[in-house]
N, C-alpha and C. Protein backbone atom coordinates (compact mmCIF):
# COMPACT_ATOMS: atom_id res chain seq x y z
N HIS A 1 -1.10 -89.01 62.43
CA HIS A 1 -1.38 -89.70 61.18
C HIS A 1 -2.78 -90.31 61.19
N ASN A 2 -3.76 -89.53 61.63
CA ASN A 2 -5.14 -90.03 61.70
C ASN A 2 -6.01 -89.34 60.67
N HIS A 3 -7.08 -89.99 60.30
CA HIS A 3 -8.12 -89.43 59.43
C HIS A 3 -9.34 -89.23 60.33
N ILE A 4 -9.62 -87.95 60.68
CA ILE A 4 -10.70 -87.62 61.62
C ILE A 4 -11.76 -86.88 60.84
N THR A 5 -12.86 -87.55 60.53
CA THR A 5 -13.85 -86.95 59.63
C THR A 5 -15.27 -87.34 60.01
N GLN A 6 -16.21 -86.44 59.72
CA GLN A 6 -17.65 -86.63 59.84
C GLN A 6 -18.08 -86.98 61.27
N ASN A 7 -17.53 -86.27 62.23
CA ASN A 7 -17.92 -86.41 63.63
C ASN A 7 -18.75 -85.21 64.05
N GLY A 8 -19.43 -85.31 65.19
CA GLY A 8 -20.23 -84.20 65.68
C GLY A 8 -20.22 -84.12 67.19
N ASN A 9 -20.60 -82.94 67.72
CA ASN A 9 -20.79 -82.78 69.16
C ASN A 9 -21.91 -81.80 69.41
N THR A 10 -22.40 -81.79 70.64
CA THR A 10 -23.53 -80.95 71.00
C THR A 10 -23.09 -79.69 71.72
N PHE A 11 -24.02 -78.81 71.97
CA PHE A 11 -23.77 -77.52 72.59
C PHE A 11 -23.13 -77.70 73.96
N GLY A 12 -22.14 -76.86 74.24
CA GLY A 12 -21.47 -76.88 75.54
C GLY A 12 -20.13 -77.55 75.52
N GLY A 13 -19.85 -78.35 74.53
CA GLY A 13 -18.56 -79.02 74.41
C GLY A 13 -17.63 -78.25 73.50
N ALA A 14 -16.49 -78.84 73.24
CA ALA A 14 -15.54 -78.25 72.29
C ALA A 14 -14.87 -79.39 71.54
N GLY A 15 -14.78 -79.23 70.23
CA GLY A 15 -14.05 -80.19 69.42
C GLY A 15 -14.89 -81.35 68.95
N ALA A 16 -15.49 -81.22 67.78
CA ALA A 16 -16.23 -82.35 67.21
C ALA A 16 -15.28 -83.41 66.66
N GLY A 17 -14.24 -82.96 65.96
CA GLY A 17 -13.27 -83.91 65.43
C GLY A 17 -12.32 -84.41 66.49
N LEU A 18 -11.70 -83.49 67.21
CA LEU A 18 -10.74 -83.83 68.27
C LEU A 18 -10.97 -82.89 69.44
N SER A 19 -11.19 -83.45 70.61
CA SER A 19 -11.50 -82.67 71.80
C SER A 19 -10.40 -82.83 72.84
N ILE A 20 -9.79 -81.71 73.25
CA ILE A 20 -8.70 -81.71 74.22
C ILE A 20 -9.19 -80.90 75.42
N HIS A 21 -9.19 -81.52 76.60
CA HIS A 21 -9.73 -80.85 77.78
C HIS A 21 -8.70 -80.73 78.89
N THR A 22 -9.07 -80.03 79.95
CA THR A 22 -8.20 -79.73 81.09
C THR A 22 -7.37 -80.93 81.52
N GLY A 23 -6.06 -80.67 81.73
CA GLY A 23 -5.16 -81.70 82.23
C GLY A 23 -4.42 -82.47 81.16
N SER A 24 -4.58 -82.09 79.91
CA SER A 24 -3.90 -82.79 78.81
C SER A 24 -2.57 -82.12 78.49
N ASP A 25 -1.76 -81.87 79.51
CA ASP A 25 -0.50 -81.17 79.33
C ASP A 25 0.41 -81.90 78.34
N ASP A 26 1.20 -81.09 77.60
CA ASP A 26 2.22 -81.59 76.67
C ASP A 26 1.66 -82.51 75.58
N TYR A 27 0.42 -82.30 75.16
CA TYR A 27 -0.15 -83.12 74.09
C TYR A 27 0.49 -82.77 72.75
N ARG A 28 0.40 -83.69 71.79
CA ARG A 28 0.89 -83.52 70.43
C ARG A 28 -0.19 -83.97 69.46
N VAL A 29 -0.62 -83.05 68.59
CA VAL A 29 -1.56 -83.37 67.52
C VAL A 29 -0.81 -83.08 66.22
N GLN A 30 -0.36 -84.13 65.52
CA GLN A 30 0.53 -83.95 64.38
C GLN A 30 0.11 -84.83 63.20
N LYS A 31 0.19 -84.24 62.00
CA LYS A 31 0.03 -84.94 60.73
C LYS A 31 -1.31 -85.66 60.60
N ASN A 32 -2.40 -84.96 60.92
CA ASN A 32 -3.75 -85.53 60.81
C ASN A 32 -4.55 -84.86 59.69
N TRP A 33 -5.51 -85.57 59.16
CA TRP A 33 -6.50 -85.06 58.22
C TRP A 33 -7.78 -84.89 59.02
N ILE A 34 -8.20 -83.64 59.26
CA ILE A 34 -9.37 -83.34 60.09
C ILE A 34 -10.36 -82.60 59.20
N CYS A 35 -11.41 -83.29 58.77
CA CYS A 35 -12.27 -82.77 57.71
C CYS A 35 -13.73 -83.13 57.94
N GLY A 36 -14.62 -82.17 57.64
CA GLY A 36 -16.06 -82.44 57.60
C GLY A 36 -16.70 -82.74 58.94
N ASN A 37 -16.19 -82.16 60.01
CA ASN A 37 -16.78 -82.35 61.33
C ASN A 37 -17.75 -81.21 61.62
N PHE A 38 -18.80 -81.49 62.40
CA PHE A 38 -19.82 -80.49 62.72
C PHE A 38 -19.97 -80.37 64.23
N SER A 39 -19.98 -79.13 64.72
CA SER A 39 -20.08 -78.89 66.16
C SER A 39 -21.17 -77.89 66.47
N GLN A 40 -21.94 -78.19 67.52
CA GLN A 40 -22.84 -77.20 68.08
C GLN A 40 -22.17 -76.47 69.23
N GLY A 41 -20.90 -76.74 69.47
CA GLY A 41 -20.08 -76.05 70.45
C GLY A 41 -18.90 -75.40 69.73
N ASP A 42 -17.86 -75.04 70.46
CA ASP A 42 -16.69 -74.39 69.88
C ASP A 42 -15.74 -75.42 69.28
N GLY A 43 -15.06 -75.03 68.19
CA GLY A 43 -14.01 -75.86 67.62
C GLY A 43 -14.50 -77.11 66.92
N ALA A 44 -15.01 -76.98 65.74
CA ALA A 44 -15.50 -78.16 65.03
C ALA A 44 -14.37 -79.11 64.64
N GLY A 45 -13.24 -78.59 64.22
CA GLY A 45 -12.11 -79.45 63.87
C GLY A 45 -11.36 -79.91 65.10
N ILE A 46 -10.71 -78.95 65.80
CA ILE A 46 -9.98 -79.22 67.04
C ILE A 46 -10.47 -78.24 68.10
N GLY A 47 -10.84 -78.76 69.25
CA GLY A 47 -11.26 -77.93 70.37
C GLY A 47 -10.38 -78.18 71.58
N HIS A 48 -9.62 -77.15 71.99
CA HIS A 48 -8.80 -77.21 73.22
C HIS A 48 -9.53 -76.34 74.23
N LEU A 49 -10.14 -76.95 75.25
CA LEU A 49 -10.91 -76.22 76.24
C LEU A 49 -10.39 -76.52 77.63
N GLY A 50 -9.92 -75.50 78.33
CA GLY A 50 -9.43 -75.66 79.68
C GLY A 50 -7.91 -75.57 79.74
N LEU A 51 -7.38 -75.75 80.94
CA LEU A 51 -5.95 -75.56 81.18
C LEU A 51 -5.16 -76.83 80.86
N SER A 52 -4.45 -76.81 79.73
CA SER A 52 -3.55 -77.88 79.31
C SER A 52 -2.32 -77.19 78.74
N ASP A 53 -1.24 -77.17 79.50
CA ASP A 53 -0.05 -76.41 79.12
C ASP A 53 0.89 -77.23 78.24
N GLY A 54 1.56 -76.56 77.31
CA GLY A 54 2.59 -77.19 76.49
C GLY A 54 2.06 -77.96 75.29
N GLY A 55 0.88 -77.63 74.79
CA GLY A 55 0.30 -78.34 73.65
C GLY A 55 0.94 -77.95 72.33
N LEU A 56 0.90 -78.88 71.38
CA LEU A 56 1.41 -78.66 70.03
C LEU A 56 0.41 -79.17 69.02
N ILE A 57 -0.02 -78.28 68.12
CA ILE A 57 -0.89 -78.64 67.00
C ILE A 57 -0.08 -78.33 65.75
N GLU A 58 0.39 -79.37 65.05
CA GLU A 58 1.40 -79.16 64.01
C GLU A 58 1.16 -80.03 62.79
N ASP A 59 1.30 -79.42 61.62
CA ASP A 59 1.33 -80.11 60.34
C ASP A 59 0.06 -80.92 60.07
N ASN A 60 -1.10 -80.32 60.35
CA ASN A 60 -2.39 -80.96 60.11
C ASN A 60 -3.11 -80.28 58.95
N LEU A 61 -3.99 -81.02 58.28
CA LEU A 61 -4.92 -80.44 57.32
C LEU A 61 -6.26 -80.34 58.03
N ILE A 62 -6.71 -79.11 58.28
CA ILE A 62 -7.95 -78.86 59.01
C ILE A 62 -8.88 -78.13 58.04
N VAL A 63 -9.74 -78.90 57.38
CA VAL A 63 -10.50 -78.36 56.25
C VAL A 63 -11.99 -78.71 56.35
N PHE A 64 -12.83 -77.75 55.95
CA PHE A 64 -14.27 -77.93 55.77
C PHE A 64 -14.99 -78.44 57.02
N ASN A 65 -14.65 -77.87 58.17
CA ASN A 65 -15.37 -78.15 59.40
C ASN A 65 -16.36 -77.01 59.66
N GLU A 66 -17.42 -77.29 60.39
CA GLU A 66 -18.45 -76.27 60.62
C GLU A 66 -18.93 -76.28 62.06
N SER A 67 -19.01 -75.07 62.64
CA SER A 67 -19.64 -74.91 63.95
C SER A 67 -20.83 -73.98 63.80
N PHE A 68 -21.96 -74.38 64.38
CA PHE A 68 -23.17 -73.56 64.30
C PHE A 68 -24.11 -73.93 65.44
N GLN A 69 -24.71 -72.92 66.03
CA GLN A 69 -25.71 -73.10 67.08
C GLN A 69 -26.72 -71.97 66.93
N GLN A 70 -27.94 -72.31 66.66
CA GLN A 70 -28.99 -71.32 66.44
C GLN A 70 -29.22 -70.44 67.67
N ALA A 71 -29.07 -71.02 68.87
CA ALA A 71 -29.38 -70.30 70.11
C ALA A 71 -28.33 -69.27 70.49
N GLY A 72 -27.12 -69.38 69.99
CA GLY A 72 -26.08 -68.43 70.36
C GLY A 72 -24.78 -68.72 69.64
N PRO A 73 -23.84 -67.80 69.69
CA PRO A 73 -22.61 -67.99 68.93
C PRO A 73 -21.72 -69.10 69.47
N VAL A 74 -21.18 -69.88 68.56
CA VAL A 74 -20.11 -70.83 68.85
C VAL A 74 -18.96 -70.48 67.91
N ASN A 75 -17.73 -70.71 68.35
CA ASN A 75 -16.59 -70.09 67.70
C ASN A 75 -15.51 -71.08 67.29
N GLY A 76 -14.62 -70.60 66.42
CA GLY A 76 -13.43 -71.35 66.05
C GLY A 76 -13.72 -72.65 65.34
N SER A 77 -14.23 -72.56 64.14
CA SER A 77 -14.62 -73.77 63.43
C SER A 77 -13.43 -74.67 63.10
N GLY A 78 -12.31 -74.10 62.68
CA GLY A 78 -11.12 -74.92 62.40
C GLY A 78 -10.46 -75.37 63.68
N ILE A 79 -9.93 -74.40 64.46
CA ILE A 79 -9.29 -74.66 65.75
C ILE A 79 -9.82 -73.67 66.77
N PHE A 80 -10.18 -74.17 67.95
CA PHE A 80 -10.57 -73.33 69.07
C PHE A 80 -9.61 -73.63 70.23
N VAL A 81 -9.01 -72.57 70.81
CA VAL A 81 -8.18 -72.70 72.01
C VAL A 81 -8.75 -71.73 73.04
N GLY A 82 -9.19 -72.25 74.18
CA GLY A 82 -9.79 -71.37 75.17
C GLY A 82 -9.74 -71.91 76.58
N GLY A 83 -9.72 -70.98 77.53
CA GLY A 83 -9.79 -71.33 78.94
C GLY A 83 -11.24 -71.44 79.37
N LYS A 84 -11.46 -72.18 80.44
CA LYS A 84 -12.81 -72.30 80.99
C LYS A 84 -13.16 -71.05 81.79
N PRO A 85 -14.44 -70.80 82.04
CA PRO A 85 -14.84 -69.64 82.85
C PRO A 85 -14.33 -69.74 84.28
N ALA A 86 -14.25 -68.60 84.93
CA ALA A 86 -13.78 -68.53 86.32
C ALA A 86 -14.74 -69.24 87.26
N LEU A 87 -14.17 -69.87 88.30
CA LEU A 87 -14.98 -70.53 89.32
C LEU A 87 -15.07 -69.73 90.61
N GLN A 88 -14.03 -68.92 90.88
CA GLN A 88 -14.01 -68.11 92.09
C GLN A 88 -13.11 -66.90 91.86
N PRO A 89 -13.22 -65.86 92.68
CA PRO A 89 -12.37 -64.67 92.49
C PRO A 89 -10.88 -65.00 92.65
N ALA A 90 -10.06 -64.33 91.86
CA ALA A 90 -8.61 -64.51 91.92
C ALA A 90 -8.06 -63.99 93.24
N PRO A 91 -7.01 -64.63 93.79
CA PRO A 91 -6.48 -64.26 95.11
C PRO A 91 -5.93 -62.83 95.18
N ASN A 92 -5.20 -62.37 94.18
CA ASN A 92 -4.53 -61.07 94.25
C ASN A 92 -5.43 -59.89 93.89
N THR A 93 -6.29 -60.08 92.90
CA THR A 93 -7.09 -58.96 92.41
C THR A 93 -8.57 -59.06 92.78
N GLY A 94 -9.04 -60.25 93.13
CA GLY A 94 -10.46 -60.42 93.44
C GLY A 94 -11.35 -60.45 92.21
N LEU A 95 -10.74 -60.44 91.02
CA LEU A 95 -11.51 -60.47 89.78
C LEU A 95 -11.88 -61.91 89.42
N LEU A 96 -12.93 -62.06 88.66
CA LEU A 96 -13.29 -63.38 88.13
C LEU A 96 -12.45 -63.62 86.88
N LEU A 97 -11.42 -64.46 87.00
CA LEU A 97 -10.49 -64.72 85.90
C LEU A 97 -10.50 -66.20 85.54
N SER A 98 -10.42 -66.46 84.27
CA SER A 98 -10.31 -67.84 83.79
C SER A 98 -8.99 -68.45 84.24
N PRO A 99 -8.93 -69.76 84.47
CA PRO A 99 -7.65 -70.40 84.71
C PRO A 99 -6.72 -70.30 83.49
N GLY A 100 -7.26 -69.98 82.33
CA GLY A 100 -6.49 -69.86 81.10
C GLY A 100 -6.45 -71.18 80.34
N SER A 101 -5.79 -71.15 79.20
CA SER A 101 -5.72 -72.33 78.34
C SER A 101 -4.42 -73.09 78.50
N GLY A 102 -3.38 -72.42 79.04
CA GLY A 102 -2.04 -72.99 79.00
C GLY A 102 -1.39 -72.57 77.70
N GLY A 103 -0.11 -72.80 77.58
CA GLY A 103 0.61 -72.45 76.36
C GLY A 103 0.37 -73.46 75.26
N VAL A 104 0.15 -72.97 74.04
CA VAL A 104 -0.10 -73.83 72.89
C VAL A 104 0.68 -73.28 71.70
N THR A 105 1.31 -74.17 70.93
CA THR A 105 1.95 -73.80 69.67
C THR A 105 1.14 -74.39 68.53
N ILE A 106 0.75 -73.53 67.58
CA ILE A 106 0.00 -73.95 66.40
C ILE A 106 0.91 -73.66 65.21
N ASP A 107 1.48 -74.71 64.60
CA ASP A 107 2.55 -74.55 63.62
C ASP A 107 2.32 -75.39 62.37
N ALA A 108 2.49 -74.76 61.21
CA ALA A 108 2.54 -75.44 59.91
C ALA A 108 1.29 -76.24 59.58
N ASN A 109 0.11 -75.67 59.85
CA ASN A 109 -1.15 -76.33 59.52
C ASN A 109 -1.77 -75.67 58.30
N LEU A 110 -2.56 -76.42 57.57
CA LEU A 110 -3.43 -75.86 56.54
C LEU A 110 -4.82 -75.79 57.13
N ILE A 111 -5.34 -74.57 57.31
CA ILE A 111 -6.65 -74.34 57.91
C ILE A 111 -7.49 -73.65 56.83
N ARG A 112 -8.35 -74.42 56.18
CA ARG A 112 -9.02 -73.90 54.98
C ARG A 112 -10.48 -74.34 54.92
N GLY A 113 -11.34 -73.41 54.48
CA GLY A 113 -12.73 -73.73 54.17
C GLY A 113 -13.60 -74.06 55.37
N ASN A 114 -13.25 -73.56 56.55
CA ASN A 114 -14.03 -73.82 57.76
C ASN A 114 -15.07 -72.72 57.95
N LEU A 115 -16.20 -73.04 58.59
CA LEU A 115 -17.30 -72.10 58.75
C LEU A 115 -17.75 -72.03 60.20
N ALA A 116 -17.59 -70.85 60.82
CA ALA A 116 -18.20 -70.56 62.11
C ALA A 116 -19.49 -69.81 61.78
N GLY A 117 -20.57 -70.54 61.61
CA GLY A 117 -21.80 -70.00 61.04
C GLY A 117 -22.43 -68.86 61.81
N ALA A 118 -22.31 -68.85 63.12
CA ALA A 118 -22.92 -67.78 63.92
C ALA A 118 -21.96 -67.30 65.01
N GLY A 119 -20.65 -67.38 64.75
CA GLY A 119 -19.68 -67.01 65.78
C GLY A 119 -18.44 -66.35 65.19
N ASP A 120 -17.39 -66.30 65.99
CA ASP A 120 -16.13 -65.66 65.62
C ASP A 120 -15.07 -66.69 65.29
N GLY A 121 -14.13 -66.30 64.43
CA GLY A 121 -12.97 -67.14 64.14
C GLY A 121 -13.28 -68.35 63.28
N GLY A 122 -13.49 -68.12 61.99
CA GLY A 122 -13.74 -69.24 61.08
C GLY A 122 -12.58 -70.21 61.04
N GLY A 123 -11.35 -69.69 60.98
CA GLY A 123 -10.17 -70.55 60.95
C GLY A 123 -9.65 -70.88 62.33
N LEU A 124 -9.39 -69.82 63.14
CA LEU A 124 -8.80 -69.99 64.47
C LEU A 124 -9.43 -69.01 65.45
N ARG A 125 -9.80 -69.51 66.61
CA ARG A 125 -10.33 -68.67 67.68
C ARG A 125 -9.53 -68.94 68.95
N VAL A 126 -8.99 -67.87 69.56
CA VAL A 126 -8.30 -67.96 70.84
C VAL A 126 -9.09 -67.10 71.83
N HIS A 127 -9.56 -67.73 72.92
CA HIS A 127 -10.46 -67.06 73.88
C HIS A 127 -10.04 -67.40 75.31
N GLN A 128 -9.81 -66.40 76.12
CA GLN A 128 -9.44 -66.55 77.53
C GLN A 128 -8.20 -67.42 77.71
N ALA A 129 -7.18 -67.18 76.88
CA ALA A 129 -5.93 -67.92 77.03
C ALA A 129 -5.23 -67.54 78.32
N ASN A 130 -5.49 -66.34 78.81
CA ASN A 130 -4.85 -65.86 80.04
C ASN A 130 -5.90 -65.53 81.09
N GLY A 131 -5.46 -65.46 82.35
CA GLY A 131 -6.34 -65.13 83.46
C GLY A 131 -5.59 -65.25 84.77
N LEU A 132 -5.75 -66.38 85.44
CA LEU A 132 -5.11 -66.59 86.74
C LEU A 132 -3.58 -66.57 86.64
N ASP A 133 -3.02 -66.93 85.48
CA ASP A 133 -1.56 -66.88 85.31
C ASP A 133 -1.04 -65.45 85.44
N ILE A 134 -1.81 -64.49 85.00
CA ILE A 134 -1.41 -63.08 85.11
C ILE A 134 -1.56 -62.62 86.56
N ASP A 135 -2.67 -63.00 87.20
CA ASP A 135 -2.88 -62.63 88.59
C ASP A 135 -1.78 -63.17 89.49
N ALA A 136 -1.28 -64.36 89.20
CA ALA A 136 -0.25 -64.99 90.03
C ALA A 136 1.14 -64.39 89.83
N SER A 137 1.35 -63.72 88.69
CA SER A 137 2.68 -63.15 88.41
C SER A 137 2.55 -61.84 87.65
N LEU A 138 1.94 -60.86 88.30
CA LEU A 138 1.68 -59.57 87.67
C LEU A 138 2.95 -58.90 87.14
N ASP A 139 4.07 -59.10 87.80
CA ASP A 139 5.30 -58.41 87.41
C ASP A 139 6.26 -59.28 86.60
N ASP A 140 5.87 -60.48 86.21
CA ASP A 140 6.76 -61.36 85.44
C ASP A 140 6.02 -61.90 84.22
N ILE A 141 6.07 -61.16 83.12
CA ILE A 141 5.35 -61.52 81.90
C ILE A 141 5.82 -62.86 81.33
N ARG A 142 7.02 -63.28 81.64
CA ARG A 142 7.54 -64.56 81.12
C ARG A 142 6.76 -65.76 81.65
N ARG A 143 6.05 -65.60 82.75
CA ARG A 143 5.29 -66.70 83.34
C ARG A 143 3.85 -66.76 82.83
N TRP A 144 3.44 -65.80 81.99
CA TRP A 144 2.10 -65.81 81.43
C TRP A 144 2.03 -66.82 80.29
N TYR A 145 0.88 -67.47 80.13
CA TYR A 145 0.70 -68.42 79.03
C TYR A 145 0.78 -67.70 77.70
N GLN A 146 1.37 -68.37 76.72
CA GLN A 146 1.44 -67.76 75.39
C GLN A 146 0.95 -68.74 74.33
N ILE A 147 0.33 -68.17 73.32
CA ILE A 147 -0.14 -68.93 72.16
C ILE A 147 0.75 -68.51 70.99
N GLN A 148 1.39 -69.47 70.35
CA GLN A 148 2.28 -69.20 69.23
C GLN A 148 1.64 -69.75 67.96
N VAL A 149 1.39 -68.86 67.00
CA VAL A 149 0.77 -69.24 65.74
C VAL A 149 1.79 -68.94 64.64
N TYR A 150 2.45 -69.99 64.14
CA TYR A 150 3.56 -69.83 63.20
C TYR A 150 3.34 -70.68 61.95
N ASN A 151 3.72 -70.14 60.79
CA ASN A 151 3.87 -70.90 59.54
C ASN A 151 2.61 -71.62 59.06
N ASN A 152 1.43 -71.08 59.34
CA ASN A 152 0.18 -71.71 58.94
C ASN A 152 -0.37 -71.05 57.67
N MET A 153 -1.16 -71.79 56.92
CA MET A 153 -1.95 -71.22 55.83
C MET A 153 -3.39 -71.21 56.31
N ILE A 154 -3.92 -70.01 56.52
CA ILE A 154 -5.28 -69.83 57.04
C ILE A 154 -6.05 -69.08 55.96
N ASN A 155 -6.78 -69.81 55.13
CA ASN A 155 -7.46 -69.14 54.03
C ASN A 155 -8.81 -69.76 53.70
N ASN A 156 -9.66 -68.91 53.09
CA ASN A 156 -11.00 -69.29 52.63
C ASN A 156 -11.90 -69.78 53.77
N ASN A 157 -11.73 -69.21 54.95
CA ASN A 157 -12.60 -69.53 56.08
C ASN A 157 -13.65 -68.42 56.23
N VAL A 158 -14.77 -68.74 56.89
CA VAL A 158 -15.87 -67.78 57.02
C VAL A 158 -16.36 -67.77 58.47
N ALA A 159 -16.65 -66.57 58.98
CA ALA A 159 -17.25 -66.42 60.30
C ALA A 159 -18.52 -65.59 60.20
N GLY A 160 -19.57 -66.03 60.87
CA GLY A 160 -20.82 -65.30 60.86
C GLY A 160 -20.74 -63.98 61.60
N LEU A 161 -19.82 -63.84 62.55
CA LEU A 161 -19.67 -62.58 63.27
C LEU A 161 -18.37 -61.88 62.87
N ALA A 162 -17.25 -62.20 63.51
CA ALA A 162 -16.00 -61.48 63.24
C ALA A 162 -14.83 -62.45 63.12
N GLY A 163 -13.79 -62.01 62.46
CA GLY A 163 -12.56 -62.79 62.36
C GLY A 163 -12.70 -64.02 61.49
N GLY A 164 -12.93 -63.83 60.21
CA GLY A 164 -13.04 -64.96 59.29
C GLY A 164 -11.82 -65.86 59.35
N GLY A 165 -10.63 -65.27 59.45
CA GLY A 165 -9.40 -66.05 59.55
C GLY A 165 -9.02 -66.34 60.97
N ILE A 166 -8.79 -65.28 61.78
CA ILE A 166 -8.35 -65.41 63.16
C ILE A 166 -9.15 -64.46 64.05
N SER A 167 -9.56 -64.93 65.22
CA SER A 167 -10.24 -64.11 66.20
C SER A 167 -9.59 -64.32 67.56
N LEU A 168 -9.26 -63.21 68.25
CA LEU A 168 -8.65 -63.27 69.57
C LEU A 168 -9.50 -62.50 70.57
N GLU A 169 -9.63 -63.03 71.80
CA GLU A 169 -10.34 -62.31 72.85
C GLU A 169 -9.79 -62.74 74.21
N ASP A 170 -9.53 -61.76 75.08
CA ASP A 170 -9.01 -62.02 76.43
C ASP A 170 -7.77 -62.91 76.41
N SER A 171 -6.86 -62.60 75.51
CA SER A 171 -5.62 -63.37 75.33
C SER A 171 -4.49 -62.38 75.10
N LEU A 172 -3.57 -62.27 76.07
CA LEU A 172 -2.59 -61.20 76.05
C LEU A 172 -1.27 -61.55 75.37
N ARG A 173 -0.86 -62.79 75.38
CA ARG A 173 0.43 -63.17 74.80
C ARG A 173 0.21 -64.11 73.62
N VAL A 174 -0.25 -63.57 72.51
CA VAL A 174 -0.44 -64.34 71.29
C VAL A 174 0.55 -63.81 70.27
N PHE A 175 1.36 -64.71 69.72
CA PHE A 175 2.37 -64.36 68.72
C PHE A 175 1.95 -64.98 67.39
N ILE A 176 1.70 -64.13 66.40
CA ILE A 176 1.27 -64.58 65.08
C ILE A 176 2.37 -64.18 64.10
N ARG A 177 3.12 -65.18 63.59
CA ARG A 177 4.27 -64.89 62.73
C ARG A 177 4.33 -65.84 61.55
N ASN A 178 4.72 -65.31 60.40
CA ASN A 178 5.01 -66.10 59.19
C ASN A 178 3.83 -66.95 58.72
N ASN A 179 2.61 -66.43 58.84
CA ASN A 179 1.42 -67.14 58.37
C ASN A 179 0.92 -66.51 57.08
N GLN A 180 0.22 -67.29 56.29
CA GLN A 180 -0.53 -66.74 55.18
C GLN A 180 -1.99 -66.72 55.61
N VAL A 181 -2.54 -65.53 55.81
CA VAL A 181 -3.94 -65.37 56.20
C VAL A 181 -4.61 -64.61 55.07
N ALA A 182 -5.37 -65.31 54.22
CA ALA A 182 -5.88 -64.69 53.00
C ALA A 182 -7.27 -65.21 52.64
N ARG A 183 -8.05 -64.33 52.02
CA ARG A 183 -9.34 -64.66 51.44
C ARG A 183 -10.33 -65.26 52.45
N ASN A 184 -10.27 -64.77 53.68
CA ASN A 184 -11.24 -65.16 54.71
C ASN A 184 -12.35 -64.10 54.71
N ASP A 185 -13.51 -64.44 55.25
CA ASP A 185 -14.62 -63.50 55.21
C ASP A 185 -15.42 -63.57 56.51
N SER A 186 -15.99 -62.43 56.88
CA SER A 186 -16.89 -62.37 58.04
C SER A 186 -17.92 -61.30 57.77
N THR A 187 -19.05 -61.36 58.51
CA THR A 187 -20.12 -60.39 58.28
C THR A 187 -19.96 -59.18 59.19
């Protein structure tokens, strides 16, 4: 029940309006007005960066937020969910894998009029949600982190690159159900 408006952040961070970072397990972001925030990093409205499992983003109005960085793309102007880059090779495969984002449910939000001026995912961007969780349990898909996107209205968002409404990258268990994704635009 917060009014989060007209905030900003600089390049390298995530979340000008609300920033959620590694270790914020089981967080709840519910019934907020998140409007008019500007980010030079990812996620102008809400930025979830790093491993925080069991998050819930529910019943928020996430409108008219903007992410832009002249030097390079920044993504997910409305909501950004992403894992941090790898620090060392994974034990089983030796690949450089992100720790992942942890599981997040994004439910019943209005995500409208957000602008990722030079990046992907005007409304929602999911990036590196999976990584080390897959390496640790290659044969048990139930243990992989999942992102659930249910019952949202994602409309009239714009991305300078791709995915005006929703953009996914390096994320294997994303469930998108019962959403209205309409009238979004990208170049």
